[in-house]
Amino acid sequence: MKHTFKILFISGVILLVILLGLYLRQQTPVAPLSPPPAENTPQAIGHDPEGKITFRYPPELTTNFLRAQDWPPQVSLIKGDFTCTQETSNDLPAVKKQESIRGREYCVAVDSEGAAGSTYRDYSYTSELFGQLLTIHFVLQYPNCANYDSPQKENCEKEYAAFSPDALAADIRESVR
């Protein structure tokens, strides 16, 4: 009899602890461990000028300092073979190089121009798709972080370090249909 009472008592305590845990879990909001997956990010649908392809892109950048200037991105698909001649100009702040992004080869051209406390970077990413050349083009404005006081200056610098135009172009390319 004492043995049965102990088992019932312990079982009751365990059940009570489980129910209390479930109740507290419902009452306490749990912060997500990571941001939601990219599939849940709002996306707009764009078309190339000829209407041959569609692609997805974020309707706006989720950045506080960096701004899209030439938006939505321009995407085109033309006949041709993929080549990329690397160039760096001493006269102009332009760079053209071949890069592997997410296992795909791109010819990346970046042209920079400064104006009124900001730098404008003109990006063109070209890669092979469907046996043709896909080009993704957009312009981003990078304000000079030194123009801000702390803590905005540090936040601006962190945002620039975290933002990847390569990832943006790769996301767009992967969505092309």
N, C-alpha and C. Protein backbone atom coordinates (compact mmCIF):
# COMPACT_ATOMS: atom_id res chain seq x y z
N MET A 1 0.82 -1.19 0.00
CA MET A 1 0.00 0.00 0.00
C MET A 1 0.87 1.26 0.00
N LYS A 2 1.93 1.27 0.85
CA LYS A 2 2.82 2.43 0.88
C LYS A 2 3.53 2.59 -0.46
N HIS A 3 3.89 1.45 -1.09
CA HIS A 3 4.58 1.48 -2.38
C HIS A 3 3.66 2.06 -3.46
N THR A 4 2.40 1.70 -3.49
CA THR A 4 1.44 2.20 -4.47
C THR A 4 1.21 3.69 -4.25
N PHE A 5 1.15 4.11 -3.01
CA PHE A 5 0.96 5.52 -2.69
C PHE A 5 2.14 6.35 -3.19
N LYS A 6 3.37 5.85 -3.01
CA LYS A 6 4.57 6.55 -3.47
C LYS A 6 4.55 6.71 -5.00
N ILE A 7 4.18 5.65 -5.70
CA ILE A 7 4.13 5.69 -7.17
C ILE A 7 3.09 6.70 -7.63
N LEU A 8 1.91 6.68 -7.01
CA LEU A 8 0.87 7.65 -7.38
C LEU A 8 1.30 9.08 -7.07
N PHE A 9 1.94 9.26 -5.93
CA PHE A 9 2.39 10.59 -5.53
C PHE A 9 3.44 11.11 -6.52
N ILE A 10 4.44 10.30 -6.86
CA ILE A 10 5.50 10.71 -7.79
C ILE A 10 4.91 10.97 -9.18
N SER A 11 3.99 10.11 -9.61
CA SER A 11 3.33 10.30 -10.91
C SER A 11 2.56 11.62 -10.93
N GLY A 12 1.88 11.94 -9.85
CA GLY A 12 1.13 13.19 -9.76
C GLY A 12 2.04 14.40 -9.81
N VAL A 13 3.19 14.34 -9.12
CA VAL A 13 4.15 15.45 -9.12
C VAL A 13 4.71 15.64 -10.54
N ILE A 14 5.06 14.54 -11.20
CA ILE A 14 5.59 14.63 -12.57
C ILE A 14 4.55 15.24 -13.49
N LEU A 15 3.30 14.81 -13.39
CA LEU A 15 2.23 15.35 -14.21
C LEU A 15 2.03 16.84 -13.95
N LEU A 16 2.10 17.23 -12.68
CA LEU A 16 1.95 18.63 -12.31
C LEU A 16 3.08 19.47 -12.90
N VAL A 17 4.32 18.99 -12.85
CA VAL A 17 5.46 19.70 -13.41
C VAL A 17 5.31 19.85 -14.93
N ILE A 18 4.87 18.79 -15.59
CA ILE A 18 4.67 18.85 -17.04
C ILE A 18 3.60 19.88 -17.39
N LEU A 19 2.48 19.86 -16.69
CA LEU A 19 1.40 20.81 -16.97
C LEU A 19 1.84 22.25 -16.69
N LEU A 20 2.59 22.45 -15.61
CA LEU A 20 3.09 23.78 -15.28
C LEU A 20 4.06 24.25 -16.37
N GLY A 21 4.91 23.38 -16.85
CA GLY A 21 5.84 23.72 -17.93
C GLY A 21 5.11 24.11 -19.20
N LEU A 22 4.08 23.37 -19.57
CA LEU A 22 3.30 23.69 -20.76
C LEU A 22 2.59 25.04 -20.61
N TYR A 23 2.05 25.29 -19.44
CA TYR A 23 1.38 26.56 -19.18
C TYR A 23 2.36 27.72 -19.31
N LEU A 24 3.54 27.61 -18.69
CA LEU A 24 4.52 28.68 -18.75
C LEU A 24 5.06 28.89 -20.16
N ARG A 25 5.18 27.84 -20.91
CA ARG A 25 5.67 27.95 -22.29
C ARG A 25 4.69 28.75 -23.13
N GLN A 26 3.39 28.57 -22.90
CA GLN A 26 2.39 29.32 -23.66
C GLN A 26 2.37 30.79 -23.24
N GLN A 27 2.73 31.07 -22.00
CA GLN A 27 2.69 32.43 -21.49
C GLN A 27 3.93 33.23 -21.84
N THR A 28 5.04 32.58 -22.12
CA THR A 28 6.30 33.25 -22.38
C THR A 28 6.59 33.24 -23.88
N PRO A 29 6.65 34.42 -24.51
CA PRO A 29 6.98 34.43 -25.93
C PRO A 29 8.42 33.97 -26.14
N VAL A 30 8.62 33.16 -27.14
CA VAL A 30 9.94 32.65 -27.44
C VAL A 30 10.48 33.40 -28.65
N ALA A 31 11.64 34.02 -28.50
CA ALA A 31 12.26 34.74 -29.62
C ALA A 31 12.83 33.74 -30.60
N PRO A 32 12.67 33.99 -31.89
CA PRO A 32 13.25 33.07 -32.87
C PRO A 32 14.77 33.10 -32.79
N LEU A 33 15.39 31.96 -33.05
CA LEU A 33 16.84 31.86 -32.99
C LEU A 33 17.50 32.47 -34.21
N SER A 34 16.81 32.54 -35.31
CA SER A 34 17.38 33.10 -36.53
C SER A 34 16.27 33.81 -37.30
N PRO A 35 16.65 34.67 -38.24
CA PRO A 35 15.61 35.35 -39.02
C PRO A 35 14.83 34.35 -39.86
N PRO A 36 13.62 34.72 -40.23
CA PRO A 36 12.82 33.80 -41.04
C PRO A 36 13.51 33.50 -42.36
N PRO A 37 13.26 32.33 -42.92
CA PRO A 37 13.90 31.99 -44.19
C PRO A 37 13.53 32.95 -45.30
N ALA A 38 14.39 33.02 -46.30
CA ALA A 38 14.20 33.96 -47.40
C ALA A 38 12.86 33.77 -48.10
N GLU A 39 12.33 32.54 -48.10
CA GLU A 39 11.05 32.30 -48.78
C GLU A 39 9.93 33.14 -48.18
N ASN A 40 10.06 33.53 -46.91
CA ASN A 40 9.01 34.31 -46.25
C ASN A 40 9.19 35.81 -46.44
N THR A 41 10.29 36.21 -47.06
CA THR A 41 10.54 37.62 -47.31
C THR A 41 9.63 38.07 -48.45
N PRO A 42 8.96 39.22 -48.30
CA PRO A 42 8.11 39.69 -49.39
C PRO A 42 8.91 39.81 -50.68
N GLN A 43 8.34 39.37 -51.77
CA GLN A 43 9.01 39.40 -53.07
C GLN A 43 8.08 40.01 -54.11
N ALA A 44 8.68 40.76 -55.00
CA ALA A 44 7.95 41.28 -56.15
C ALA A 44 8.39 40.47 -57.36
N ILE A 45 7.60 40.51 -58.41
CA ILE A 45 7.92 39.77 -59.63
C ILE A 45 8.21 40.77 -60.74
N GLY A 46 9.37 40.57 -61.37
CA GLY A 46 9.77 41.43 -62.48
C GLY A 46 9.86 40.62 -63.76
N HIS A 47 9.97 41.32 -64.89
CA HIS A 47 10.06 40.70 -66.21
C HIS A 47 11.19 41.38 -66.98
N ASP A 48 11.83 40.62 -67.86
CA ASP A 48 12.81 41.24 -68.74
C ASP A 48 12.06 42.05 -69.80
N PRO A 49 12.74 42.96 -70.50
CA PRO A 49 12.05 43.81 -71.48
C PRO A 49 11.31 43.04 -72.57
N GLU A 50 11.82 41.87 -72.96
CA GLU A 50 11.18 41.08 -74.01
C GLU A 50 10.08 40.18 -73.48
N GLY A 51 9.94 40.07 -72.18
CA GLY A 51 8.91 39.21 -71.60
C GLY A 51 9.23 37.72 -71.68
N LYS A 52 10.51 37.38 -71.87
CA LYS A 52 10.90 35.96 -71.98
C LYS A 52 11.03 35.30 -70.61
N ILE A 53 11.40 36.09 -69.61
CA ILE A 53 11.65 35.52 -68.29
C ILE A 53 10.99 36.35 -67.20
N THR A 54 10.77 35.72 -66.07
CA THR A 54 10.34 36.43 -64.86
C THR A 54 11.37 36.17 -63.78
N PHE A 55 11.39 37.05 -62.79
CA PHE A 55 12.32 36.90 -61.67
C PHE A 55 11.71 37.54 -60.43
N ARG A 56 12.20 37.14 -59.29
CA ARG A 56 11.74 37.70 -58.01
C ARG A 56 12.82 38.60 -57.44
N TYR A 57 12.38 39.63 -56.75
CA TYR A 57 13.31 40.55 -56.09
C TYR A 57 12.59 41.19 -54.90
N PRO A 58 13.34 41.64 -53.90
CA PRO A 58 12.68 42.32 -52.77
C PRO A 58 12.14 43.67 -53.24
N PRO A 59 10.91 44.02 -52.90
CA PRO A 59 10.35 45.29 -53.36
C PRO A 59 11.14 46.49 -52.84
N GLU A 60 11.78 46.31 -51.70
CA GLU A 60 12.69 47.34 -51.18
C GLU A 60 13.74 46.65 -50.32
N LEU A 61 14.88 47.29 -50.17
CA LEU A 61 15.93 46.72 -49.34
C LEU A 61 15.57 46.94 -47.87
N THR A 62 15.88 45.98 -47.05
CA THR A 62 15.58 46.08 -45.62
C THR A 62 16.81 46.62 -44.89
N THR A 63 17.30 47.74 -45.36
CA THR A 63 18.48 48.37 -44.78
C THR A 63 18.10 49.76 -44.28
N ASN A 64 18.86 50.27 -43.33
CA ASN A 64 18.58 51.59 -42.77
C ASN A 64 19.38 52.70 -43.44
N PHE A 65 20.56 52.37 -43.95
CA PHE A 65 21.45 53.38 -44.51
C PHE A 65 21.60 53.22 -46.03
N LEU A 66 21.80 52.01 -46.47
CA LEU A 66 21.99 51.71 -47.88
C LEU A 66 20.66 51.85 -48.62
N ARG A 67 20.67 52.44 -49.79
CA ARG A 67 19.44 52.66 -50.55
C ARG A 67 19.60 52.15 -51.98
N ALA A 68 18.53 51.58 -52.50
CA ALA A 68 18.49 51.19 -53.91
C ALA A 68 18.13 52.42 -54.73
N GLN A 69 18.89 52.71 -55.77
CA GLN A 69 18.62 53.87 -56.62
C GLN A 69 17.98 53.47 -57.94
N ASP A 70 18.55 52.50 -58.60
CA ASP A 70 18.02 52.02 -59.87
C ASP A 70 17.24 50.74 -59.55
N TRP A 71 15.95 50.91 -59.22
CA TRP A 71 15.17 49.79 -58.70
C TRP A 71 13.81 49.80 -59.33
N PRO A 72 13.19 48.74 -59.71
CA PRO A 72 13.65 47.37 -59.49
C PRO A 72 14.86 47.04 -60.38
N PRO A 73 15.54 45.94 -60.05
CA PRO A 73 16.69 45.54 -60.87
C PRO A 73 16.28 45.30 -62.31
N GLN A 74 17.19 45.54 -63.22
CA GLN A 74 16.95 45.26 -64.63
C GLN A 74 17.60 43.91 -64.94
N VAL A 75 16.84 43.02 -65.53
CA VAL A 75 17.33 41.68 -65.85
C VAL A 75 17.09 41.43 -67.33
N SER A 76 18.12 40.93 -68.00
CA SER A 76 17.97 40.62 -69.43
C SER A 76 18.64 39.29 -69.75
N LEU A 77 18.15 38.65 -70.78
CA LEU A 77 18.68 37.38 -71.25
C LEU A 77 18.97 37.53 -72.73
N ILE A 78 20.26 37.39 -73.10
CA ILE A 78 20.65 37.55 -74.50
C ILE A 78 21.51 36.37 -74.95
N LYS A 79 21.59 36.18 -76.26
CA LYS A 79 22.44 35.12 -76.80
C LYS A 79 23.90 35.53 -76.66
N GLY A 80 24.74 34.54 -76.40
CA GLY A 80 26.17 34.81 -76.31
C GLY A 80 26.86 33.77 -75.46
N ASP A 81 28.17 33.80 -75.50
CA ASP A 81 28.99 32.88 -74.70
C ASP A 81 29.55 33.63 -73.51
N PHE A 82 29.65 32.94 -72.39
CA PHE A 82 30.14 33.56 -71.17
C PHE A 82 31.66 33.78 -71.27
N THR A 83 32.07 35.01 -71.14
CA THR A 83 33.48 35.37 -71.00
C THR A 83 33.55 36.53 -70.03
N CYS A 84 34.70 36.65 -69.40
CA CYS A 84 34.88 37.77 -68.48
C CYS A 84 36.34 38.17 -68.50
N THR A 85 36.61 39.33 -69.04
CA THR A 85 37.96 39.86 -69.05
C THR A 85 38.09 40.78 -67.85
N GLN A 86 38.97 40.41 -66.94
CA GLN A 86 39.12 41.19 -65.72
C GLN A 86 39.77 42.53 -66.04
N GLU A 87 39.22 43.58 -65.46
CA GLU A 87 39.72 44.94 -65.69
C GLU A 87 39.67 45.73 -64.40
N THR A 88 40.68 46.52 -64.20
CA THR A 88 40.69 47.50 -63.13
C THR A 88 41.24 48.77 -63.73
N SER A 89 40.52 49.84 -63.60
CA SER A 89 40.92 51.10 -64.21
C SER A 89 41.52 52.02 -63.16
N ASN A 90 42.64 52.64 -63.51
CA ASN A 90 43.24 53.63 -62.61
C ASN A 90 42.56 54.98 -62.74
N ASP A 91 41.97 55.24 -63.90
CA ASP A 91 41.32 56.53 -64.14
C ASP A 91 39.92 56.59 -63.55
N LEU A 92 39.21 55.47 -63.60
CA LEU A 92 37.85 55.42 -63.12
C LEU A 92 37.74 54.39 -61.99
N PRO A 93 36.89 54.63 -61.01
CA PRO A 93 36.71 53.64 -59.94
C PRO A 93 35.82 52.48 -60.41
N ALA A 94 36.29 51.74 -61.41
CA ALA A 94 35.52 50.63 -61.95
C ALA A 94 36.32 49.34 -61.85
N VAL A 95 35.60 48.25 -61.63
CA VAL A 95 36.23 46.93 -61.53
C VAL A 95 35.37 45.94 -62.29
N LYS A 96 36.03 45.03 -63.01
CA LYS A 96 35.32 43.94 -63.68
C LYS A 96 36.11 42.69 -63.38
N LYS A 97 35.45 41.68 -62.79
CA LYS A 97 36.15 40.47 -62.42
C LYS A 97 35.22 39.27 -62.48
N GLN A 98 35.83 38.10 -62.61
CA GLN A 98 35.06 36.86 -62.59
C GLN A 98 35.03 36.36 -61.16
N GLU A 99 33.83 36.00 -60.70
CA GLU A 99 33.64 35.53 -59.32
C GLU A 99 32.76 34.30 -59.31
N SER A 100 33.03 33.43 -58.36
CA SER A 100 32.16 32.28 -58.13
C SER A 100 31.27 32.62 -56.93
N ILE A 101 29.97 32.64 -57.18
CA ILE A 101 29.00 32.95 -56.13
C ILE A 101 28.02 31.79 -56.05
N ARG A 102 27.98 31.15 -54.91
CA ARG A 102 27.12 29.98 -54.70
C ARG A 102 27.35 28.89 -55.77
N GLY A 103 28.60 28.73 -56.15
CA GLY A 103 28.95 27.68 -57.08
C GLY A 103 28.70 28.00 -58.55
N ARG A 104 28.32 29.24 -58.85
CA ARG A 104 28.10 29.66 -60.25
C ARG A 104 29.08 30.77 -60.59
N GLU A 105 29.53 30.77 -61.84
CA GLU A 105 30.46 31.80 -62.29
C GLU A 105 29.70 33.03 -62.76
N TYR A 106 30.17 34.19 -62.31
CA TYR A 106 29.60 35.48 -62.70
C TYR A 106 30.72 36.38 -63.18
N CYS A 107 30.39 37.23 -64.11
CA CYS A 107 31.27 38.34 -64.46
C CYS A 107 30.64 39.54 -63.75
N VAL A 108 31.37 40.11 -62.81
CA VAL A 108 30.84 41.19 -61.98
C VAL A 108 31.53 42.50 -62.36
N ALA A 109 30.74 43.46 -62.75
CA ALA A 109 31.26 44.79 -63.07
C ALA A 109 30.67 45.76 -62.05
N VAL A 110 31.54 46.53 -61.41
CA VAL A 110 31.11 47.52 -60.42
C VAL A 110 31.75 48.85 -60.79
N ASP A 111 30.92 49.85 -60.96
CA ASP A 111 31.39 51.20 -61.27
C ASP A 111 30.94 52.09 -60.12
N SER A 112 31.86 52.83 -59.53
CA SER A 112 31.54 53.70 -58.38
C SER A 112 31.68 55.15 -58.76
N GLU A 113 30.77 55.96 -58.20
CA GLU A 113 30.81 57.40 -58.44
C GLU A 113 30.37 58.09 -57.16
N GLY A 114 31.11 59.10 -56.73
CA GLY A 114 30.78 59.83 -55.51
C GLY A 114 30.00 61.08 -55.82
N ALA A 115 29.05 61.40 -54.93
CA ALA A 115 28.27 62.63 -55.08
C ALA A 115 27.62 62.97 -53.75
N ALA A 116 27.79 64.21 -53.31
CA ALA A 116 27.09 64.77 -52.15
C ALA A 116 27.07 63.84 -50.93
N GLY A 117 28.23 63.38 -50.49
CA GLY A 117 28.31 62.58 -49.26
C GLY A 117 27.93 61.12 -49.42
N SER A 118 27.75 60.67 -50.63
CA SER A 118 27.40 59.27 -50.88
C SER A 118 28.24 58.73 -52.03
N THR A 119 28.32 57.42 -52.08
CA THR A 119 28.92 56.73 -53.22
C THR A 119 27.82 55.92 -53.88
N TYR A 120 27.72 56.04 -55.19
CA TYR A 120 26.76 55.26 -55.95
C TYR A 120 27.53 54.14 -56.64
N ARG A 121 27.09 52.91 -56.42
CA ARG A 121 27.75 51.77 -57.04
C ARG A 121 26.79 51.12 -58.03
N ASP A 122 27.24 51.07 -59.26
CA ASP A 122 26.48 50.50 -60.37
C ASP A 122 26.96 49.07 -60.55
N TYR A 123 26.08 48.08 -60.26
CA TYR A 123 26.44 46.67 -60.31
C TYR A 123 25.83 46.00 -61.54
N SER A 124 26.64 45.19 -62.21
CA SER A 124 26.16 44.32 -63.29
C SER A 124 26.73 42.93 -63.06
N TYR A 125 25.86 41.97 -62.95
CA TYR A 125 26.24 40.56 -62.76
C TYR A 125 25.79 39.80 -64.00
N THR A 126 26.73 39.14 -64.67
CA THR A 126 26.41 38.35 -65.86
C THR A 126 26.80 36.91 -65.61
N SER A 127 25.89 35.99 -65.94
CA SER A 127 26.18 34.56 -65.81
C SER A 127 25.44 33.81 -66.91
N GLU A 128 25.77 32.56 -67.05
CA GLU A 128 25.12 31.74 -68.06
C GLU A 128 23.83 31.15 -67.48
N LEU A 129 22.78 31.18 -68.28
CA LEU A 129 21.50 30.60 -67.88
C LEU A 129 20.75 30.18 -69.14
N PHE A 130 20.27 28.96 -69.16
CA PHE A 130 19.53 28.43 -70.31
C PHE A 130 20.35 28.52 -71.60
N GLY A 131 21.68 28.40 -71.50
CA GLY A 131 22.55 28.48 -72.67
C GLY A 131 22.69 29.89 -73.22
N GLN A 132 22.28 30.89 -72.45
CA GLN A 132 22.38 32.29 -72.86
C GLN A 132 23.03 33.09 -71.74
N LEU A 133 23.15 34.39 -71.93
CA LEU A 133 23.75 35.25 -70.91
C LEU A 133 22.67 36.03 -70.18
N LEU A 134 22.66 35.87 -68.88
CA LEU A 134 21.72 36.59 -68.01
C LEU A 134 22.49 37.73 -67.36
N THR A 135 21.96 38.94 -67.46
CA THR A 135 22.58 40.09 -66.81
C THR A 135 21.59 40.71 -65.83
N ILE A 136 22.08 40.95 -64.63
CA ILE A 136 21.29 41.59 -63.56
C ILE A 136 21.98 42.92 -63.26
N HIS A 137 21.21 44.00 -63.30
CA HIS A 137 21.79 45.34 -63.11
C HIS A 137 20.99 46.11 -62.06
N PHE A 138 21.72 46.76 -61.14
CA PHE A 138 21.09 47.65 -60.17
C PHE A 138 22.13 48.64 -59.66
N VAL A 139 21.64 49.75 -59.09
CA VAL A 139 22.50 50.79 -58.53
C VAL A 139 22.12 50.98 -57.07
N LEU A 140 23.15 51.01 -56.20
CA LEU A 140 22.93 51.22 -54.77
C LEU A 140 23.65 52.47 -54.31
N GLN A 141 23.03 53.19 -53.39
CA GLN A 141 23.62 54.38 -52.80
C GLN A 141 24.17 54.03 -51.42
N TYR A 142 25.45 54.29 -51.21
CA TYR A 142 26.11 54.06 -49.93
C TYR A 142 26.47 55.42 -49.33
N PRO A 143 25.69 55.90 -48.35
CA PRO A 143 26.07 57.17 -47.72
C PRO A 143 27.40 57.00 -46.97
N ASN A 144 28.11 58.09 -46.83
CA ASN A 144 29.37 58.07 -46.10
C ASN A 144 29.07 57.93 -44.61
N CYS A 145 29.43 56.80 -44.03
CA CYS A 145 29.13 56.53 -42.61
C CYS A 145 29.80 57.55 -41.69
N ALA A 146 30.93 58.13 -42.12
CA ALA A 146 31.64 59.12 -41.30
C ALA A 146 30.81 60.39 -41.10
N ASN A 147 29.78 60.59 -41.91
CA ASN A 147 28.92 61.76 -41.75
C ASN A 147 27.97 61.63 -40.56
N TYR A 148 27.87 60.43 -39.97
CA TYR A 148 26.96 60.20 -38.85
C TYR A 148 27.72 60.25 -37.54
N ASP A 149 27.01 60.62 -36.48
CA ASP A 149 27.56 60.55 -35.13
C ASP A 149 27.34 59.14 -34.59
N SER A 150 28.06 58.81 -33.53
CA SER A 150 27.84 57.52 -32.85
C SER A 150 26.45 57.54 -32.23
N PRO A 151 25.72 56.48 -32.16
CA PRO A 151 26.04 55.12 -32.60
C PRO A 151 25.66 54.86 -34.06
N GLN A 152 25.04 55.85 -34.73
CA GLN A 152 24.63 55.64 -36.12
C GLN A 152 25.81 55.32 -37.03
N LYS A 153 26.94 55.96 -36.77
CA LYS A 153 28.13 55.70 -37.58
C LYS A 153 28.51 54.23 -37.52
N GLU A 154 28.56 53.67 -36.32
CA GLU A 154 28.91 52.26 -36.16
C GLU A 154 27.83 51.35 -36.77
N ASN A 155 26.57 51.72 -36.61
CA ASN A 155 25.47 50.93 -37.20
C ASN A 155 25.56 50.93 -38.72
N CYS A 156 25.89 52.07 -39.29
CA CYS A 156 26.05 52.20 -40.73
C CYS A 156 27.19 51.29 -41.20
N GLU A 157 28.31 51.33 -40.51
CA GLU A 157 29.47 50.50 -40.88
C GLU A 157 29.14 49.01 -40.76
N LYS A 158 28.40 48.63 -39.73
CA LYS A 158 28.01 47.23 -39.56
C LYS A 158 27.07 46.80 -40.69
N GLU A 159 26.14 47.69 -41.06
CA GLU A 159 25.21 47.36 -42.14
C GLU A 159 25.96 47.14 -43.45
N TYR A 160 26.91 48.00 -43.75
CA TYR A 160 27.70 47.84 -44.98
C TYR A 160 28.47 46.53 -44.97
N ALA A 161 29.05 46.20 -43.82
CA ALA A 161 29.83 44.95 -43.72
C ALA A 161 28.93 43.73 -43.88
N ALA A 162 27.70 43.82 -43.42
CA ALA A 162 26.79 42.66 -43.46
C ALA A 162 26.07 42.52 -44.81
N PHE A 163 25.90 43.63 -45.53
CA PHE A 163 25.14 43.58 -46.78
C PHE A 163 25.98 42.98 -47.89
N SER A 164 25.37 42.12 -48.70
CA SER A 164 26.08 41.48 -49.81
C SER A 164 25.32 41.68 -51.11
N PRO A 165 25.83 42.56 -51.99
CA PRO A 165 25.20 42.68 -53.30
C PRO A 165 25.33 41.37 -54.09
N ASP A 166 26.40 40.59 -53.82
CA ASP A 166 26.56 39.29 -54.48
C ASP A 166 25.39 38.37 -54.13
N ALA A 167 25.01 38.32 -52.87
CA ALA A 167 23.89 37.47 -52.43
C ALA A 167 22.58 37.96 -53.05
N LEU A 168 22.41 39.26 -53.13
CA LEU A 168 21.20 39.82 -53.75
C LEU A 168 21.11 39.38 -55.21
N ALA A 169 22.22 39.51 -55.95
CA ALA A 169 22.22 39.11 -57.36
C ALA A 169 21.98 37.60 -57.50
N ALA A 170 22.61 36.81 -56.63
CA ALA A 170 22.43 35.35 -56.70
C ALA A 170 20.98 34.96 -56.40
N ASP A 171 20.35 35.63 -55.43
CA ASP A 171 18.94 35.36 -55.13
C ASP A 171 18.06 35.64 -56.34
N ILE A 172 18.33 36.76 -57.00
CA ILE A 172 17.54 37.12 -58.18
C ILE A 172 17.76 36.07 -59.27
N ARG A 173 19.02 35.72 -59.53
CA ARG A 173 19.33 34.74 -60.57
C ARG A 173 18.65 33.40 -60.31
N GLU A 174 18.66 32.96 -59.06
CA GLU A 174 18.07 31.66 -58.71
C GLU A 174 16.55 31.66 -58.87
N SER A 175 15.95 32.85 -58.91
CA SER A 175 14.49 32.93 -59.05
C SER A 175 14.04 33.02 -60.50
N VAL A 176 14.96 33.18 -61.43
CA VAL A 176 14.59 33.37 -62.84
C VAL A 176 13.88 32.15 -63.37
N ARG A 177 12.77 32.37 -64.06
CA ARG A 177 11.98 31.30 -64.69
C ARG A 177 11.67 31.68 -66.10
